Amino acid sequence: MKNSEIAQLTKEELIAKIASDTESLQKLQFAHAISPIENPNKIKESRRSIARLKTRLRSLELAK
């Protein structure tokens, strides 16, 4: 997810997206532990996406 897309999300949407992406990351890590996944860069991309979402959420909280 790009930063421009993240900037358009509301606080509630950010929280929901963080929860779903975190769950997806856990599934990827579990699948990778059992047998190597085809593209391990998906794990890195997922972690970074979650970090971007959390950063945007925190900036919205501090703006109040």
N, C-alpha and C. Protein backbone atom coordinates (compact mmCIF):
# COMPACT_ATOMS: atom_id res chain seq x y z
N MET A 1 0.84 -1.17 0.00
CA MET A 1 0.00 0.00 0.00
C MET A 1 0.89 1.24 0.00
N LYS A 2 0.59 2.16 -0.89
CA LYS A 2 1.39 3.36 -1.02
C LYS A 2 1.02 4.39 0.03
N ASN A 3 1.95 5.31 0.29
CA ASN A 3 1.72 6.35 1.29
C ASN A 3 0.53 7.24 0.92
N SER A 4 0.35 7.49 -0.37
CA SER A 4 -0.78 8.33 -0.78
C SER A 4 -2.11 7.64 -0.47
N GLU A 5 -2.15 6.32 -0.59
CA GLU A 5 -3.36 5.56 -0.26
C GLU A 5 -3.58 5.55 1.25
N ILE A 6 -2.50 5.42 2.00
CA ILE A 6 -2.59 5.40 3.46
C ILE A 6 -3.08 6.74 3.99
N ALA A 7 -2.65 7.83 3.38
CA ALA A 7 -3.02 9.16 3.83
C ALA A 7 -4.52 9.41 3.72
N GLN A 8 -5.20 8.69 2.85
CA GLN A 8 -6.63 8.90 2.63
C GLN A 8 -7.49 8.08 3.59
N LEU A 9 -6.89 7.17 4.35
CA LEU A 9 -7.66 6.31 5.25
C LEU A 9 -8.03 7.04 6.54
N THR A 10 -9.18 6.69 7.08
CA THR A 10 -9.59 7.25 8.36
C THR A 10 -8.95 6.43 9.48
N LYS A 11 -9.11 6.92 10.70
CA LYS A 11 -8.52 6.25 11.86
C LYS A 11 -9.06 4.83 12.01
N GLU A 12 -10.37 4.67 11.84
CA GLU A 12 -10.99 3.35 11.98
C GLU A 12 -10.51 2.40 10.90
N GLU A 13 -10.38 2.92 9.67
CA GLU A 13 -9.88 2.10 8.56
C GLU A 13 -8.43 1.68 8.80
N LEU A 14 -7.63 2.59 9.35
CA LEU A 14 -6.24 2.27 9.66
C LEU A 14 -6.15 1.14 10.68
N ILE A 15 -6.96 1.23 11.73
CA ILE A 15 -6.95 0.20 12.77
C ILE A 15 -7.35 -1.15 12.19
N ALA A 16 -8.38 -1.16 11.35
CA ALA A 16 -8.83 -2.41 10.74
C ALA A 16 -7.77 -2.98 9.80
N LYS A 17 -7.13 -2.11 9.04
CA LYS A 17 -6.10 -2.54 8.09
C LYS A 17 -4.88 -3.09 8.82
N ILE A 18 -4.50 -2.46 9.93
CA ILE A 18 -3.37 -2.95 10.73
C ILE A 18 -3.67 -4.35 11.26
N ALA A 19 -4.89 -4.54 11.75
CA ALA A 19 -5.27 -5.85 12.29
C ALA A 19 -5.24 -6.92 11.21
N SER A 20 -5.78 -6.62 10.05
CA SER A 20 -5.81 -7.62 8.98
C SER A 20 -4.41 -7.90 8.43
N ASP A 21 -3.60 -6.86 8.29
CA ASP A 21 -2.23 -7.05 7.79
C ASP A 21 -1.37 -7.81 8.79
N THR A 22 -1.58 -7.58 10.08
CA THR A 22 -0.83 -8.29 11.11
C THR A 22 -1.18 -9.77 11.07
N GLU A 23 -2.45 -10.06 10.92
CA GLU A 23 -2.88 -11.46 10.82
C GLU A 23 -2.29 -12.12 9.58
N SER A 24 -2.29 -11.40 8.48
CA SER A 24 -1.71 -11.91 7.24
C SER A 24 -0.21 -12.16 7.38
N LEU A 25 0.48 -11.27 8.08
CA LEU A 25 1.92 -11.43 8.31
C LEU A 25 2.19 -12.68 9.14
N GLN A 26 1.39 -12.90 10.16
CA GLN A 26 1.57 -14.08 11.00
C GLN A 26 1.39 -15.36 10.19
N LYS A 27 0.41 -15.37 9.29
CA LYS A 27 0.19 -16.53 8.44
C LYS A 27 1.36 -16.74 7.50
N LEU A 28 1.90 -15.65 6.94
CA LEU A 28 3.06 -15.76 6.06
C LEU A 28 4.27 -16.31 6.81
N GLN A 29 4.50 -15.81 8.01
CA GLN A 29 5.64 -16.27 8.79
C GLN A 29 5.49 -17.74 9.17
N PHE A 30 4.27 -18.16 9.49
CA PHE A 30 4.02 -19.54 9.84
C PHE A 30 4.25 -20.44 8.62
N ALA A 31 3.75 -20.02 7.47
CA ALA A 31 3.93 -20.79 6.25
C ALA A 31 5.40 -20.88 5.87
N HIS A 32 6.13 -19.80 6.09
CA HIS A 32 7.55 -19.77 5.77
C HIS A 32 8.35 -20.66 6.72
N ALA A 33 7.91 -20.79 7.96
CA ALA A 33 8.60 -21.64 8.93
C ALA A 33 8.42 -23.12 8.58
N ILE A 34 7.25 -23.47 8.06
CA ILE A 34 6.98 -24.85 7.70
C ILE A 34 7.74 -25.24 6.44
N SER A 35 7.56 -24.46 5.40
CA SER A 35 8.30 -24.67 4.16
C SER A 35 8.53 -23.31 3.52
N PRO A 36 9.69 -23.10 2.95
CA PRO A 36 9.99 -21.78 2.39
C PRO A 36 8.96 -21.34 1.36
N ILE A 37 8.47 -20.11 1.54
CA ILE A 37 7.50 -19.59 0.59
C ILE A 37 8.22 -19.15 -0.67
N GLU A 38 7.45 -19.01 -1.74
CA GLU A 38 8.03 -18.70 -3.05
C GLU A 38 8.75 -17.36 -3.07
N ASN A 39 8.14 -16.35 -2.44
CA ASN A 39 8.74 -15.02 -2.44
C ASN A 39 8.85 -14.52 -0.99
N PRO A 40 10.00 -14.74 -0.34
CA PRO A 40 10.13 -14.30 1.05
C PRO A 40 10.13 -12.79 1.22
N ASN A 41 10.26 -12.04 0.13
CA ASN A 41 10.20 -10.58 0.23
C ASN A 41 8.81 -10.10 0.63
N LYS A 42 7.79 -10.95 0.47
CA LYS A 42 6.44 -10.58 0.90
C LYS A 42 6.40 -10.32 2.39
N ILE A 43 7.21 -11.05 3.15
CA ILE A 43 7.26 -10.85 4.60
C ILE A 43 7.79 -9.45 4.91
N LYS A 44 8.86 -9.07 4.24
CA LYS A 44 9.46 -7.75 4.45
C LYS A 44 8.49 -6.64 4.03
N GLU A 45 7.84 -6.81 2.90
CA GLU A 45 6.89 -5.82 2.42
C GLU A 45 5.72 -5.68 3.38
N SER A 46 5.26 -6.79 3.92
CA SER A 46 4.16 -6.77 4.86
C SER A 46 4.54 -6.04 6.14
N ARG A 47 5.74 -6.32 6.67
CA ARG A 47 6.20 -5.63 7.88
C ARG A 47 6.30 -4.14 7.65
N ARG A 48 6.81 -3.74 6.52
CA ARG A 48 6.95 -2.31 6.22
C ARG A 48 5.60 -1.63 6.04
N SER A 49 4.67 -2.34 5.43
CA SER A 49 3.33 -1.80 5.26
C SER A 49 2.66 -1.56 6.61
N ILE A 50 2.81 -2.51 7.52
CA ILE A 50 2.26 -2.36 8.86
C ILE A 50 2.90 -1.18 9.57
N ALA A 51 4.20 -1.02 9.40
CA ALA A 51 4.90 0.09 10.03
C ALA A 51 4.40 1.43 9.48
N ARG A 52 4.16 1.50 8.18
CA ARG A 52 3.63 2.73 7.58
C ARG A 52 2.25 3.06 8.13
N LEU A 53 1.42 2.02 8.25
CA LEU A 53 0.07 2.23 8.79
C LEU A 53 0.12 2.71 10.23
N LYS A 54 0.99 2.10 11.04
CA LYS A 54 1.11 2.50 12.44
C LYS A 54 1.66 3.91 12.56
N THR A 55 2.57 4.28 11.69
CA THR A 55 3.13 5.64 11.70
C THR A 55 2.05 6.66 11.39
N ARG A 56 1.23 6.37 10.39
CA ARG A 56 0.14 7.27 10.02
C ARG A 56 -0.89 7.38 11.15
N LEU A 57 -1.21 6.25 11.78
CA LEU A 57 -2.15 6.26 12.90
C LEU A 57 -1.61 7.10 14.04
N ARG A 58 -0.35 6.96 14.35
CA ARG A 58 0.26 7.73 15.43
C ARG A 58 0.27 9.21 15.09
N SER A 59 0.54 9.56 13.84
CA SER A 59 0.55 10.98 13.48
C SER A 59 -0.85 11.59 13.59
N LEU A 60 -1.88 10.79 13.31
CA LEU A 60 -3.26 11.28 13.48
C LEU A 60 -3.57 11.49 14.95
N GLU A 61 -3.08 10.58 15.81
CA GLU A 61 -3.31 10.70 17.25
C GLU A 61 -2.61 11.94 17.81
N LEU A 62 -1.41 12.22 17.35
CA LEU A 62 -0.66 13.38 17.84
C LEU A 62 -1.21 14.69 17.32
N ALA A 63 -1.90 14.64 16.20
CA ALA A 63 -2.45 15.86 15.59
C ALA A 63 -3.61 16.42 16.40
N LYS A 64 -4.21 15.59 17.22
CA LYS A 64 -5.37 16.06 18.02
C LYS A 64 -4.99 16.89 19.17
